[in-house]
Amino acid sequence: LITARKKEAVHDILSLGFDVLFSDTDVAM
């Protein structure tokens, strides 16, 4: 469900016209 909600959030951000670099919190950049 958390994974699906992240996708849902990105959809909302894309709909507002923003490009998204999405990262889970366990990713070490």
PDB file of all heavy atoms in Angstrom:
ATOM      1  N   LEU A   1       0.829  -1.197   0.000  1.00  0.00           N
ATOM      2  CA  LEU A   1       0.000   0.000   0.000  1.00  0.00           C
ATOM      3  C   LEU A   1       0.867   1.252   0.000  1.00  0.00           C
ATOM      4  O   LEU A   1       0.591   2.213  -0.730  1.00  0.00           O
ATOM      5  CB  LEU A   1      -0.918   0.008   1.226  1.00  0.00           C
ATOM      6  CG  LEU A   1      -1.844   1.220   1.380  1.00  0.00           C
ATOM      7  CD1 LEU A   1      -2.744   1.380   0.155  1.00  0.00           C
ATOM      8  CD2 LEU A   1      -2.681   1.096   2.646  1.00  0.00           C
ATOM      9  N   ILE A   2       1.931   1.253   0.795  1.00  0.00           N
ATOM     10  CA  ILE A   2       2.857   2.386   0.812  1.00  0.00           C
ATOM     11  C   ILE A   2       3.461   2.592  -0.573  1.00  0.00           C
ATOM     12  O   ILE A   2       3.569   3.722  -1.075  1.00  0.00           O
ATOM     13  CB  ILE A   2       3.962   2.168   1.864  1.00  0.00           C
ATOM     14  CG1 ILE A   2       3.380   2.251   3.274  1.00  0.00           C
ATOM     15  CG2 ILE A   2       5.082   3.195   1.704  1.00  0.00           C
ATOM     16  CD1 ILE A   2       4.364   1.860   4.374  1.00  0.00           C
ATOM     17  N   THR A   3       3.854   1.500  -1.227  1.00  0.00           N
ATOM     18  CA  THR A   3       4.411   1.583  -2.579  1.00  0.00           C
ATOM     19  C   THR A   3       3.406   2.202  -3.548  1.00  0.00           C
ATOM     20  O   THR A   3       3.759   3.064  -4.368  1.00  0.00           O
ATOM     21  CB  THR A   3       4.820   0.181  -3.069  1.00  0.00           C
ATOM     22  OG1 THR A   3       5.804  -0.365  -2.183  1.00  0.00           O
ATOM     23  CG2 THR A   3       5.388   0.236  -4.471  1.00  0.00           C
ATOM     24  N   ALA A   4       2.150   1.775  -3.445  1.00  0.00           N
ATOM     25  CA  ALA A   4       1.108   2.318  -4.322  1.00  0.00           C
ATOM     26  C   ALA A   4       0.850   3.788  -4.024  1.00  0.00           C
ATOM     27  O   ALA A   4       0.613   4.585  -4.942  1.00  0.00           O
ATOM     28  CB  ALA A   4      -0.177   1.511  -4.161  1.00  0.00           C
ATOM     29  N   ARG A   5       0.891   4.172  -2.760  1.00  0.00           N
ATOM     30  CA  ARG A   5       0.653   5.562  -2.403  1.00  0.00           C
ATOM     31  C   ARG A   5       1.764   6.480  -2.929  1.00  0.00           C
ATOM     32  O   ARG A   5       1.517   7.640  -3.268  1.00  0.00           O
ATOM     33  CB  ARG A   5       0.527   5.714  -0.879  1.00  0.00           C
ATOM     34  CG  ARG A   5      -0.711   5.080  -0.271  1.00  0.00           C
ATOM     35  CD  ARG A   5      -2.004   5.643  -0.839  1.00  0.00           C
ATOM     36  NE  ARG A   5      -2.100   7.070  -0.734  1.00  0.00           N
ATOM     37  CZ  ARG A   5      -2.444   7.738   0.375  1.00  0.00           C
ATOM     38  NH1 ARG A   5      -2.714   7.075   1.488  1.00  0.00           N
ATOM     39  NH2 ARG A   5      -2.529   9.050   0.372  1.00  0.00           N
ATOM     40  N   LYS A   6       2.980   5.990  -2.967  1.00  0.00           N
ATOM     41  CA  LYS A   6       4.083   6.775  -3.534  1.00  0.00           C
ATOM     42  C   LYS A   6       3.810   7.057  -5.014  1.00  0.00           C
ATOM     43  O   LYS A   6       4.036   8.176  -5.498  1.00  0.00           O
ATOM     44  CB  LYS A   6       5.403   6.035  -3.357  1.00  0.00           C
ATOM     45  CG  LYS A   6       5.868   5.913  -1.915  1.00  0.00           C
ATOM     46  CD  LYS A   6       7.068   4.992  -1.807  1.00  0.00           C
ATOM     47  CE  LYS A   6       7.483   4.780  -0.361  1.00  0.00           C
ATOM     48  NZ  LYS A   6       8.585   3.798  -0.228  1.00  0.00           N
ATOM     49  N   LYS A   7       3.354   6.036  -5.725  1.00  0.00           N
ATOM     50  CA  LYS A   7       2.997   6.217  -7.136  1.00  0.00           C
ATOM     51  C   LYS A   7       1.871   7.233  -7.266  1.00  0.00           C
ATOM     52  O   LYS A   7       1.875   8.079  -8.171  1.00  0.00           O
ATOM     53  CB  LYS A   7       2.592   4.874  -7.739  1.00  0.00           C
ATOM     54  CG  LYS A   7       2.062   4.943  -9.163  1.00  0.00           C
ATOM     55  CD  LYS A   7       1.748   3.544  -9.666  1.00  0.00           C
ATOM     56  CE  LYS A   7       1.102   3.575 -11.052  1.00  0.00           C
ATOM     57  NZ  LYS A   7      -0.299   4.008 -11.021  1.00  0.00           N
ATOM     58  N   GLU A   8       0.913   7.163  -6.374  1.00  0.00           N
ATOM     59  CA  GLU A   8      -0.212   8.100  -6.385  1.00  0.00           C
ATOM     60  C   GLU A   8       0.278   9.530  -6.170  1.00  0.00           C
ATOM     61  O   GLU A   8      -0.168  10.469  -6.840  1.00  0.00           O
ATOM     62  CB  GLU A   8      -1.193   7.705  -5.284  1.00  0.00           C
ATOM     63  CG  GLU A   8      -2.501   8.463  -5.289  1.00  0.00           C
ATOM     64  CD  GLU A   8      -3.430   7.981  -4.191  1.00  0.00           C
ATOM     65  OE1 GLU A   8      -3.107   6.996  -3.505  1.00  0.00           O
ATOM     66  OE2 GLU A   8      -4.489   8.600  -4.019  1.00  0.00           O
ATOM     67  N   ALA A   9       1.232   9.694  -5.239  1.00  0.00           N
ATOM     68  CA  ALA A   9       1.782  11.022  -4.958  1.00  0.00           C
ATOM     69  C   ALA A   9       2.522  11.579  -6.169  1.00  0.00           C
ATOM     70  O   ALA A   9       2.382  12.761  -6.508  1.00  0.00           O
ATOM     71  CB  ALA A   9       2.718  10.949  -3.746  1.00  0.00           C
ATOM     72  N   VAL A  10       3.307  10.735  -6.826  1.00  0.00           N
ATOM     73  CA  VAL A  10       4.039  11.181  -8.012  1.00  0.00           C
ATOM     74  C   VAL A  10       3.067  11.589  -9.110  1.00  0.00           C
ATOM     75  O   VAL A  10       3.291  12.587  -9.819  1.00  0.00           O
ATOM     76  CB  VAL A  10       5.009  10.083  -8.501  1.00  0.00           C
ATOM     77  CG1 VAL A  10       5.606  10.453  -9.863  1.00  0.00           C
ATOM     78  CG2 VAL A  10       6.119   9.865  -7.482  1.00  0.00           C
ATOM     79  N   HIS A  11       1.973  10.849  -9.258  1.00  0.00           N
ATOM     80  CA  HIS A  11       0.951  11.233 -10.241  1.00  0.00           C
ATOM     81  C   HIS A  11       0.433  12.642  -9.964  1.00  0.00           C
ATOM     82  O   HIS A  11       0.289  13.462 -10.873  1.00  0.00           O
ATOM     83  CB  HIS A  11      -0.210  10.246 -10.212  1.00  0.00           C
ATOM     84  CG  HIS A  11      -1.398  10.723 -10.993  1.00  0.00           C
ATOM     85  ND1 HIS A  11      -2.439  11.417 -10.421  1.00  0.00           N
ATOM     86  CD2 HIS A  11      -1.696  10.635 -12.321  1.00  0.00           C
ATOM     87  CE1 HIS A  11      -3.324  11.731 -11.349  1.00  0.00           C
ATOM     88  NE2 HIS A  11      -2.902  11.257 -12.504  1.00  0.00           N
ATOM     89  N   ASP A  12       0.154  12.937  -8.690  1.00  0.00           N
ATOM     90  CA  ASP A  12      -0.358  14.264  -8.339  1.00  0.00           C
ATOM     91  C   ASP A  12       0.660  15.349  -8.664  1.00  0.00           C
ATOM     92  O   ASP A  12       0.308  16.443  -9.113  1.00  0.00           O
ATOM     93  CB  ASP A  12      -0.714  14.313  -6.853  1.00  0.00           C
ATOM     94  CG  ASP A  12      -1.888  13.417  -6.505  1.00  0.00           C
ATOM     95  OD1 ASP A  12      -2.661  13.070  -7.419  1.00  0.00           O
ATOM     96  OD2 ASP A  12      -2.029  13.049  -5.317  1.00  0.00           O
ATOM     97  N   ILE A  13       1.937  15.060  -8.444  1.00  0.00           N
ATOM     98  CA  ILE A  13       2.999  16.042  -8.716  1.00  0.00           C
ATOM     99  C   ILE A  13       3.173  16.243 -10.213  1.00  0.00           C
ATOM    100  O   ILE A  13       3.310  17.382 -10.688  1.00  0.00           O
ATOM    101  CB  ILE A  13       4.315  15.586  -8.056  1.00  0.00           C
ATOM    102  CG1 ILE A  13       4.154  15.556  -6.529  1.00  0.00           C
ATOM    103  CG2 ILE A  13       5.472  16.504  -8.453  1.00  0.00           C
ATOM    104  CD1 ILE A  13       5.305  14.908  -5.798  1.00  0.00           C
ATOM    105  N   LEU A  14       3.153  15.154 -10.966  1.00  0.00           N
ATOM    106  CA  LEU A  14       3.236  15.267 -12.429  1.00  0.00           C
ATOM    107  C   LEU A  14       2.074  16.095 -12.970  1.00  0.00           C
ATOM    108  O   LEU A  14       2.254  16.897 -13.898  1.00  0.00           O
ATOM    109  CB  LEU A  14       3.216  13.881 -13.072  1.00  0.00           C
ATOM    110  CG  LEU A  14       4.417  12.962 -12.819  1.00  0.00           C
ATOM    111  CD1 LEU A  14       4.141  11.581 -13.399  1.00  0.00           C
ATOM    112  CD2 LEU A  14       5.690  13.550 -13.409  1.00  0.00           C
ATOM    113  N   SER A  15       0.898  15.921 -12.385  1.00  0.00           N
ATOM    114  CA  SER A  15      -0.292  16.638 -12.841  1.00  0.00           C
ATOM    115  C   SER A  15      -0.175  18.139 -12.605  1.00  0.00           C
ATOM    116  O   SER A  15      -0.871  18.930 -13.266  1.00  0.00           O
ATOM    117  CB  SER A  15      -1.531  16.101 -12.117  1.00  0.00           C
ATOM    118  OG  SER A  15      -1.754  14.746 -12.429  1.00  0.00           O
ATOM    119  N   LEU A  16       0.687  18.529 -11.683  1.00  0.00           N
ATOM    120  CA  LEU A  16       0.917  19.951 -11.418  1.00  0.00           C
ATOM    121  C   LEU A  16       2.045  20.517 -12.276  1.00  0.00           C
ATOM    122  O   LEU A  16       2.434  21.671 -12.104  1.00  0.00           O
ATOM    123  CB  LEU A  16       1.223  20.161  -9.934  1.00  0.00           C
ATOM    124  CG  LEU A  16       0.033  19.929  -8.983  1.00  0.00           C
ATOM    125  CD1 LEU A  16       0.496  19.985  -7.525  1.00  0.00           C
ATOM    126  CD2 LEU A  16      -1.057  20.953  -9.233  1.00  0.00           C
ATOM    127  N   GLY A  17       2.569  19.690 -13.180  1.00  0.00           N
ATOM    128  CA  GLY A  17       3.547  20.190 -14.146  1.00  0.00           C
ATOM    129  C   GLY A  17       5.000  20.088 -13.733  1.00  0.00           C
ATOM    130  O   GLY A  17       5.867  20.695 -14.365  1.00  0.00           O
ATOM    131  N   PHE A  18       5.303  19.275 -12.708  1.00  0.00           N
ATOM    132  CA  PHE A  18       6.676  19.127 -12.247  1.00  0.00           C
ATOM    133  C   PHE A  18       7.255  17.782 -12.678  1.00  0.00           C
ATOM    134  O   PHE A  18       6.580  16.748 -12.600  1.00  0.00           O
ATOM    135  CB  PHE A  18       6.744  19.224 -10.718  1.00  0.00           C
ATOM    136  CG  PHE A  18       6.520  20.599 -10.176  1.00  0.00           C
ATOM    137  CD1 PHE A  18       5.234  21.061  -9.942  1.00  0.00           C
ATOM    138  CD2 PHE A  18       7.588  21.441  -9.906  1.00  0.00           C
ATOM    139  CE1 PHE A  18       5.001  22.339  -9.448  1.00  0.00           C
ATOM    140  CE2 PHE A  18       7.375  22.718  -9.409  1.00  0.00           C
ATOM    141  CZ  PHE A  18       6.088  23.173  -9.182  1.00  0.00           C
ATOM    142  N   ASP A  19       8.515  17.814 -13.132  1.00  0.00           N
ATOM    143  CA  ASP A  19       9.257  16.582 -13.356  1.00  0.00           C
ATOM    144  C   ASP A  19       9.716  16.064 -11.997  1.00  0.00           C
ATOM    145  O   ASP A  19      10.007  16.854 -11.088  1.00  0.00           O
ATOM    146  CB  ASP A  19      10.476  16.830 -14.245  1.00  0.00           C
ATOM    147  CG  ASP A  19      10.104  17.396 -15.603  1.00  0.00           C
ATOM    148  OD1 ASP A  19       8.951  17.184 -16.047  1.00  0.00           O
ATOM    149  OD2 ASP A  19      10.963  18.062 -16.214  1.00  0.00           O
ATOM    150  N   VAL A  20       9.821  14.750 -11.855  1.00  0.00           N
ATOM    151  CA  VAL A  20      10.081  14.154 -10.548  1.00  0.00           C
ATOM    152  C   VAL A  20      11.289  13.226 -10.586  1.00  0.00           C
ATOM    153  O   VAL A  20      11.361  12.312 -11.421  1.00  0.00           O
ATOM    154  CB  VAL A  20       8.864  13.363 -10.040  1.00  0.00           C
ATOM    155  CG1 VAL A  20       9.167  12.713  -8.684  1.00  0.00           C
ATOM    156  CG2 VAL A  20       7.640  14.265  -9.930  1.00  0.00           C
ATOM    157  N   LEU A  21      12.231  13.461  -9.679  1.00  0.00           N
ATOM    158  CA  LEU A  21      13.249  12.472  -9.356  1.00  0.00           C
ATOM    159  C   LEU A  21      12.798  11.842  -8.048  1.00  0.00           C
ATOM    160  O   LEU A  21      12.851  12.477  -6.997  1.00  0.00           O
ATOM    161  CB  LEU A  21      14.626  13.117  -9.189  1.00  0.00           C
ATOM    162  CG  LEU A  21      15.747  12.192  -8.667  1.00  0.00           C
ATOM    163  CD1 LEU A  21      15.947  11.005  -9.591  1.00  0.00           C
ATOM    164  CD2 LEU A  21      17.048  12.956  -8.482  1.00  0.00           C
ATOM    165  N   PHE A  22      12.293  10.622  -8.129  1.00  0.00           N
ATOM    166  CA  PHE A  22      11.772   9.964  -6.928  1.00  0.00           C
ATOM    167  C   PHE A  22      12.785   8.974  -6.390  1.00  0.00           C
ATOM    168  O   PHE A  22      13.391   8.206  -7.141  1.00  0.00           O
ATOM    169  CB  PHE A  22      10.466   9.227  -7.208  1.00  0.00           C
ATOM    170  CG  PHE A  22       9.927   8.559  -5.969  1.00  0.00           C
ATOM    171  CD1 PHE A  22       9.149   9.280  -5.073  1.00  0.00           C
ATOM    172  CD2 PHE A  22      10.246   7.243  -5.670  1.00  0.00           C
ATOM    173  CE1 PHE A  22       8.693   8.699  -3.905  1.00  0.00           C
ATOM    174  CE2 PHE A  22       9.790   6.652  -4.512  1.00  0.00           C
ATOM    175  CZ  PHE A  22       9.007   7.379  -3.619  1.00  0.00           C
ATOM    176  N   SER A  23      12.934   8.973  -5.065  1.00  0.00           N
ATOM    177  CA  SER A  23      13.830   8.027  -4.420  1.00  0.00           C
ATOM    178  C   SER A  23      13.205   7.506  -3.140  1.00  0.00           C
ATOM    179  O   SER A  23      12.655   8.272  -2.344  1.00  0.00           O
ATOM    180  CB  SER A  23      15.170   8.705  -4.086  1.00  0.00           C
ATOM    181  OG  SER A  23      16.004   7.836  -3.342  1.00  0.00           O
ATOM    182  N   ASP A  24      13.271   6.205  -2.927  1.00  0.00           N
ATOM    183  CA  ASP A  24      12.903   5.660  -1.630  1.00  0.00           C
ATOM    184  C   ASP A  24      13.901   6.150  -0.590  1.00  0.00           C
ATOM    185  O   ASP A  24      15.050   6.494  -0.920  1.00  0.00           O
ATOM    186  CB  ASP A  24      12.903   4.129  -1.669  1.00  0.00           C
ATOM    187  CG  ASP A  24      11.606   3.545  -2.201  1.00  0.00           C
ATOM    188  OD1 ASP A  24      10.604   4.293  -2.258  1.00  0.00           O
ATOM    189  OD2 ASP A  24      11.591   2.364  -2.558  1.00  0.00           O
ATOM    190  N   THR A  25      13.499   6.121   0.662  1.00  0.00           N
ATOM    191  CA  THR A  25      14.375   6.634   1.717  1.00  0.00           C
ATOM    192  C   THR A  25      15.556   5.722   2.003  1.00  0.00           C
ATOM    193  O   THR A  25      16.532   6.159   2.630  1.00  0.00           O
ATOM    194  CB  THR A  25      13.581   6.832   3.022  1.00  0.00           C
ATOM    195  OG1 THR A  25      12.894   5.613   3.346  1.00  0.00           O
ATOM    196  CG2 THR A  25      12.569   7.954   2.885  1.00  0.00           C
ATOM    197  N   ASP A  26      15.507   4.479   1.549  1.00  0.00           N
ATOM    198  CA  ASP A  26      16.638   3.576   1.813  1.00  0.00           C
ATOM    199  C   ASP A  26      17.684   3.601   0.710  1.00  0.00           C
ATOM    200  O   ASP A  26      18.607   2.779   0.699  1.00  0.00           O
ATOM    201  CB  ASP A  26      16.136   2.144   2.038  1.00  0.00           C
ATOM    202  CG  ASP A  26      15.392   1.576   0.834  1.00  0.00           C
ATOM    203  OD1 ASP A  26      15.170   2.319  -0.142  1.00  0.00           O
ATOM    204  OD2 ASP A  26      15.008   0.392   0.883  1.00  0.00           O
ATOM    205  N   VAL A  27      17.569   4.559  -0.199  1.00  0.00           N
ATOM    206  CA  VAL A  27      18.566   4.733  -1.254  1.00  0.00           C
ATOM    207  C   VAL A  27      19.661   5.680  -0.762  1.00  0.00           C
ATOM    208  O   VAL A  27      19.370   6.753  -0.230  1.00  0.00           O
ATOM    209  CB  VAL A  27      17.926   5.295  -2.537  1.00  0.00           C
ATOM    210  CG1 VAL A  27      18.999   5.660  -3.555  1.00  0.00           C
ATOM    211  CG2 VAL A  27      16.955   4.278  -3.131  1.00  0.00           C
ATOM    212  N   ALA A  28      20.901   5.296  -0.945  1.00  0.00           N
ATOM    213  CA  ALA A  28      22.043   6.129  -0.549  1.00  0.00           C
ATOM    214  C   ALA A  28      22.650   6.765  -1.804  1.00  0.00           C
ATOM    215  O   ALA A  28      23.272   6.076  -2.614  1.00  0.00           O
ATOM    216  CB  ALA A  28      23.082   5.294   0.186  1.00  0.00           C
ATOM    217  N   MET A  29      22.444   8.049  -1.973  1.00  0.00           N
ATOM    218  CA  MET A  29      22.965   8.762  -3.146  1.00  0.00           C
ATOM    219  C   MET A  29      24.411   9.194  -2.861  1.00  0.00           C
ATOM    220  O   MET A  29      24.670  10.312  -2.419  1.00  0.00           O
ATOM    221  CB  MET A  29      22.086   9.969  -3.469  1.00  0.00           C
ATOM    222  CG  MET A  29      20.678   9.629  -3.880  1.00  0.00           C
ATOM    223  SD  MET A  29      19.722  11.049  -4.478  1.00  0.00           S
ATOM    224  CE  MET A  29      19.661  12.064  -2.982  1.00  0.00           C
TER     225      MET A  29
END
